[in-house]
Amino acid sequence: MAYHSTDVYGITHINPDEAILRDVLEGVFDAEDVPHPDASIMHDSGWILTYSHSRCLILEHADNDQIRLLRNVLPNQALQYWYWLARGQITALLNLEWVDNV
């Protein structure tokens, strides 16, 4: 399965390993005055997870206007969800308690 992540500097990492995913995600807390104040991971299926320094996690699909939100997501939780997306475990993600259409 193919996926890529984008860090707060807009740098894309193709099929990054778990250590790079962790660094990309944690980068939202380390960077100041950056072009993108969040980081994301996109799976080839079109699903995207975006995490911000406000600890919000957004799930969306590239072909759909529906946006789902989780608030107060700890970095370790967000990383677990990123791993799920990287492995194509979409059903597990969809089963979380999202707030729809934010």
N, C-alpha and C. Protein backbone atom coordinates (compact mmCIF):
# COMPACT_ATOMS: atom_id res chain seq x y z
N MET A 1 0.85 -1.17 0.00
CA MET A 1 0.00 0.00 0.00
C MET A 1 0.89 1.23 0.00
N ALA A 2 0.48 2.21 -0.75
CA ALA A 2 1.27 3.43 -0.84
C ALA A 2 0.57 4.56 -0.11
N TYR A 3 1.38 5.42 0.48
CA TYR A 3 0.88 6.58 1.19
C TYR A 3 2.01 7.60 1.24
N HIS A 4 1.66 8.81 1.61
CA HIS A 4 2.70 9.82 1.80
C HIS A 4 2.28 10.77 2.91
N SER A 5 3.27 11.39 3.52
CA SER A 5 3.00 12.37 4.57
C SER A 5 3.58 13.71 4.13
N THR A 6 3.01 14.77 4.69
CA THR A 6 3.50 16.11 4.42
C THR A 6 3.71 16.80 5.75
N ASP A 7 4.91 17.35 5.94
CA ASP A 7 5.22 17.97 7.22
C ASP A 7 4.87 19.46 7.23
N VAL A 8 5.16 20.13 8.33
CA VAL A 8 4.80 21.54 8.50
C VAL A 8 5.56 22.46 7.55
N TYR A 9 6.62 21.97 6.94
CA TYR A 9 7.38 22.75 5.97
C TYR A 9 6.94 22.49 4.54
N GLY A 10 5.93 21.62 4.38
CA GLY A 10 5.43 21.29 3.06
C GLY A 10 6.23 20.21 2.35
N ILE A 11 7.12 19.55 3.08
CA ILE A 11 7.93 18.49 2.49
C ILE A 11 7.16 17.17 2.52
N THR A 12 7.11 16.52 1.38
CA THR A 12 6.39 15.26 1.25
C THR A 12 7.36 14.09 1.40
N HIS A 13 6.93 13.10 2.17
CA HIS A 13 7.71 11.89 2.39
C HIS A 13 6.90 10.72 1.82
N ILE A 14 7.45 10.03 0.85
CA ILE A 14 6.77 8.92 0.19
C ILE A 14 7.02 7.63 0.98
N ASN A 15 5.93 6.96 1.37
CA ASN A 15 6.00 5.71 2.14
C ASN A 15 7.00 5.79 3.30
N PRO A 16 6.87 6.80 4.15
CA PRO A 16 7.82 6.93 5.26
C PRO A 16 7.65 5.80 6.27
N ASP A 17 8.75 5.45 6.93
CA ASP A 17 8.65 4.44 7.99
C ASP A 17 8.05 5.08 9.24
N GLU A 18 7.85 4.27 10.27
CA GLU A 18 7.17 4.75 11.47
C GLU A 18 7.95 5.86 12.17
N ALA A 19 9.27 5.81 12.15
CA ALA A 19 10.08 6.85 12.79
C ALA A 19 9.88 8.20 12.09
N ILE A 20 9.84 8.19 10.78
CA ILE A 20 9.63 9.44 10.04
C ILE A 20 8.21 9.95 10.28
N LEU A 21 7.22 9.05 10.29
CA LEU A 21 5.85 9.47 10.58
C LEU A 21 5.78 10.14 11.95
N ARG A 22 6.46 9.59 12.93
CA ARG A 22 6.48 10.17 14.27
C ARG A 22 7.11 11.57 14.24
N ASP A 23 8.21 11.72 13.53
CA ASP A 23 8.87 13.02 13.42
C ASP A 23 7.98 14.05 12.73
N VAL A 24 7.31 13.63 11.67
CA VAL A 24 6.42 14.54 10.94
C VAL A 24 5.29 15.00 11.85
N LEU A 25 4.69 14.07 12.56
CA LEU A 25 3.58 14.42 13.45
C LEU A 25 4.04 15.31 14.60
N GLU A 26 5.14 14.97 15.23
CA GLU A 26 5.63 15.76 16.35
C GLU A 26 6.11 17.14 15.91
N GLY A 27 6.41 17.29 14.63
CA GLY A 27 6.85 18.56 14.10
C GLY A 27 5.83 19.67 14.24
N VAL A 28 4.56 19.33 14.40
CA VAL A 28 3.53 20.38 14.55
C VAL A 28 3.71 21.13 15.86
N PHE A 29 4.40 20.54 16.84
CA PHE A 29 4.62 21.18 18.13
C PHE A 29 5.97 21.89 18.21
N ASP A 30 6.89 21.56 17.31
CA ASP A 30 8.24 22.09 17.37
C ASP A 30 8.49 23.31 16.49
N ALA A 31 7.68 23.48 15.49
CA ALA A 31 7.95 24.51 14.49
C ALA A 31 7.22 25.82 14.80
N GLU A 32 7.91 26.91 14.50
CA GLU A 32 7.31 28.23 14.63
C GLU A 32 7.38 28.92 13.27
N ASP A 33 6.37 29.72 12.99
CA ASP A 33 6.33 30.50 11.75
C ASP A 33 6.58 29.63 10.52
N VAL A 34 5.75 28.61 10.38
CA VAL A 34 5.88 27.66 9.28
C VAL A 34 4.74 27.88 8.28
N PRO A 35 4.95 27.49 7.03
CA PRO A 35 3.92 27.70 6.02
C PRO A 35 2.65 26.88 6.25
N HIS A 36 2.78 25.70 6.86
CA HIS A 36 1.64 24.81 7.11
C HIS A 36 1.65 24.43 8.58
N PRO A 37 0.72 24.96 9.39
CA PRO A 37 0.77 24.69 10.83
C PRO A 37 0.24 23.31 11.22
N ASP A 38 0.15 22.42 10.26
CA ASP A 38 -0.31 21.06 10.54
C ASP A 38 0.47 20.08 9.67
N ALA A 39 0.26 18.80 9.93
CA ALA A 39 0.92 17.75 9.16
C ALA A 39 -0.14 16.74 8.75
N SER A 40 0.10 16.05 7.66
CA SER A 40 -0.92 15.13 7.17
C SER A 40 -0.30 13.86 6.61
N ILE A 41 -1.17 12.87 6.47
CA ILE A 41 -0.82 11.62 5.81
C ILE A 41 -1.97 11.28 4.87
N MET A 42 -1.63 10.86 3.66
CA MET A 42 -2.65 10.51 2.66
C MET A 42 -2.36 9.12 2.13
N HIS A 43 -3.40 8.30 2.13
CA HIS A 43 -3.32 6.94 1.62
C HIS A 43 -3.77 6.94 0.17
N ASP A 44 -3.29 6.00 -0.62
CA ASP A 44 -3.68 5.92 -2.04
C ASP A 44 -5.17 5.74 -2.25
N SER A 45 -5.88 5.31 -1.21
CA SER A 45 -7.33 5.16 -1.31
C SER A 45 -8.03 6.52 -1.34
N GLY A 46 -7.28 7.59 -1.06
CA GLY A 46 -7.85 8.93 -1.06
C GLY A 46 -8.15 9.48 0.33
N TRP A 47 -8.00 8.66 1.37
CA TRP A 47 -8.25 9.11 2.73
C TRP A 47 -7.06 9.91 3.25
N ILE A 48 -7.36 10.99 3.97
CA ILE A 48 -6.35 11.90 4.49
C ILE A 48 -6.61 12.15 5.97
N LEU A 49 -5.56 12.09 6.78
CA LEU A 49 -5.61 12.48 8.18
C LEU A 49 -4.69 13.67 8.36
N THR A 50 -5.21 14.73 8.98
CA THR A 50 -4.44 15.93 9.24
C THR A 50 -4.45 16.20 10.74
N TYR A 51 -3.27 16.49 11.28
CA TYR A 51 -3.13 16.74 12.72
C TYR A 51 -2.54 18.13 12.92
N SER A 52 -3.09 18.87 13.90
CA SER A 52 -2.62 20.23 14.15
C SER A 52 -2.11 20.39 15.57
N HIS A 53 -1.40 21.49 15.82
CA HIS A 53 -0.86 21.75 17.16
C HIS A 53 -1.97 21.97 18.19
N SER A 54 -3.18 22.23 17.74
CA SER A 54 -4.32 22.36 18.65
C SER A 54 -4.89 21.00 19.04
N ARG A 55 -4.21 19.94 18.61
CA ARG A 55 -4.57 18.55 18.91
C ARG A 55 -5.90 18.12 18.28
N CYS A 56 -6.19 18.70 17.14
CA CYS A 56 -7.36 18.30 16.36
C CYS A 56 -6.89 17.37 15.25
N LEU A 57 -7.67 16.34 15.01
CA LEU A 57 -7.40 15.39 13.94
C LEU A 57 -8.58 15.45 12.98
N ILE A 58 -8.28 15.63 11.72
CA ILE A 58 -9.31 15.73 10.69
C ILE A 58 -9.16 14.55 9.74
N LEU A 59 -10.29 13.92 9.45
CA LEU A 59 -10.34 12.83 8.47
C LEU A 59 -11.20 13.29 7.31
N GLU A 60 -10.67 13.15 6.13
CA GLU A 60 -11.45 13.50 4.93
C GLU A 60 -11.03 12.60 3.79
N HIS A 61 -11.84 12.62 2.76
CA HIS A 61 -11.53 11.85 1.55
C HIS A 61 -11.37 12.84 0.41
N ALA A 62 -10.39 12.61 -0.43
CA ALA A 62 -10.08 13.53 -1.53
C ALA A 62 -11.26 13.74 -2.48
N ASP A 63 -12.15 12.76 -2.60
CA ASP A 63 -13.28 12.85 -3.53
C ASP A 63 -14.60 13.18 -2.85
N ASN A 64 -14.56 13.64 -1.61
CA ASN A 64 -15.78 13.83 -0.84
C ASN A 64 -15.66 15.12 -0.04
N ASP A 65 -16.75 15.86 0.10
CA ASP A 65 -16.73 17.11 0.86
C ASP A 65 -16.91 16.89 2.35
N GLN A 66 -17.18 15.67 2.76
CA GLN A 66 -17.41 15.42 4.18
C GLN A 66 -16.10 15.46 4.95
N ILE A 67 -16.11 16.21 6.05
CA ILE A 67 -14.94 16.32 6.92
C ILE A 67 -15.34 15.85 8.30
N ARG A 68 -14.50 15.00 8.89
CA ARG A 68 -14.76 14.48 10.23
C ARG A 68 -13.65 14.97 11.16
N LEU A 69 -14.03 15.23 12.41
CA LEU A 69 -13.11 15.84 13.36
C LEU A 69 -13.09 15.10 14.68
N LEU A 70 -11.89 14.97 15.25
CA LEU A 70 -11.71 14.52 16.63
C LEU A 70 -10.93 15.62 17.33
N ARG A 71 -11.39 16.02 18.51
CA ARG A 71 -10.69 17.04 19.30
C ARG A 71 -9.92 16.39 20.44
N ASN A 72 -8.95 17.11 20.96
CA ASN A 72 -8.16 16.68 22.11
C ASN A 72 -7.49 15.31 21.89
N VAL A 73 -6.94 15.13 20.72
CA VAL A 73 -6.25 13.89 20.37
C VAL A 73 -4.78 14.04 20.78
N LEU A 74 -4.35 13.19 21.67
CA LEU A 74 -2.95 13.21 22.09
C LEU A 74 -2.05 12.77 20.93
N PRO A 75 -0.82 13.25 20.90
CA PRO A 75 0.08 12.86 19.81
C PRO A 75 0.23 11.35 19.64
N ASN A 76 0.29 10.60 20.74
CA ASN A 76 0.41 9.14 20.62
C ASN A 76 -0.81 8.52 19.95
N GLN A 77 -1.99 9.05 20.27
CA GLN A 77 -3.21 8.56 19.62
C GLN A 77 -3.19 8.90 18.14
N ALA A 78 -2.85 10.13 17.82
CA ALA A 78 -2.81 10.55 16.42
C ALA A 78 -1.83 9.69 15.64
N LEU A 79 -0.70 9.39 16.24
CA LEU A 79 0.28 8.54 15.57
C LEU A 79 -0.28 7.15 15.31
N GLN A 80 -1.01 6.60 16.27
CA GLN A 80 -1.64 5.29 16.07
C GLN A 80 -2.61 5.34 14.89
N TYR A 81 -3.40 6.41 14.81
CA TYR A 81 -4.35 6.54 13.72
C TYR A 81 -3.63 6.71 12.37
N TRP A 82 -2.52 7.41 12.39
CA TRP A 82 -1.71 7.54 11.18
C TRP A 82 -1.20 6.16 10.74
N TYR A 83 -0.75 5.36 11.70
CA TYR A 83 -0.29 4.01 11.36
C TYR A 83 -1.43 3.21 10.72
N TRP A 84 -2.62 3.33 11.28
CA TRP A 84 -3.77 2.63 10.71
C TRP A 84 -3.98 3.03 9.26
N LEU A 85 -3.94 4.34 9.01
CA LEU A 85 -4.15 4.80 7.64
C LEU A 85 -3.03 4.29 6.73
N ALA A 86 -1.80 4.35 7.19
CA ALA A 86 -0.68 3.87 6.38
C ALA A 86 -0.85 2.40 6.01
N ARG A 87 -1.46 1.63 6.90
CA ARG A 87 -1.67 0.19 6.65
C ARG A 87 -2.99 -0.09 5.93
N GLY A 88 -3.74 0.97 5.64
CA GLY A 88 -5.01 0.79 4.93
C GLY A 88 -6.14 0.32 5.82
N GLN A 89 -6.04 0.52 7.13
CA GLN A 89 -7.08 0.09 8.07
C GLN A 89 -8.15 1.18 8.18
N ILE A 90 -8.83 1.41 7.09
CA ILE A 90 -9.81 2.49 6.99
C ILE A 90 -11.02 2.23 7.88
N THR A 91 -11.48 1.00 7.93
CA THR A 91 -12.65 0.68 8.76
C THR A 91 -12.40 1.02 10.22
N ALA A 92 -11.21 0.74 10.72
CA ALA A 92 -10.88 1.08 12.11
C ALA A 92 -10.97 2.59 12.32
N LEU A 93 -10.49 3.36 11.37
CA LEU A 93 -10.58 4.82 11.47
C LEU A 93 -12.02 5.30 11.44
N LEU A 94 -12.79 4.76 10.53
CA LEU A 94 -14.19 5.19 10.39
C LEU A 94 -15.01 4.85 11.62
N ASN A 95 -14.58 3.86 12.38
CA ASN A 95 -15.32 3.45 13.58
C ASN A 95 -15.05 4.32 14.80
N LEU A 96 -14.13 5.27 14.69
CA LEU A 96 -13.88 6.20 15.80
C LEU A 96 -15.07 7.15 15.95
N GLU A 97 -15.17 7.83 17.05
CA GLU A 97 -16.31 8.73 17.32
C GLU A 97 -16.06 10.12 16.77
N TRP A 98 -16.16 10.24 15.46
CA TRP A 98 -15.93 11.49 14.75
C TRP A 98 -17.11 12.43 14.89
N VAL A 99 -16.84 13.72 14.84
CA VAL A 99 -17.87 14.74 14.66
C VAL A 99 -17.89 14.98 13.16
N ASP A 100 -19.05 14.77 12.52
CA ASP A 100 -19.15 14.86 11.06
C ASP A 100 -19.47 16.26 10.58
N ASN A 101 -19.02 16.53 9.35
CA ASN A 101 -19.34 17.76 8.62
C ASN A 101 -19.05 19.02 9.42
N VAL A 102 -17.84 19.13 9.89
CA VAL A 102 -17.44 20.34 10.64
C VAL A 102 -17.15 21.48 9.72
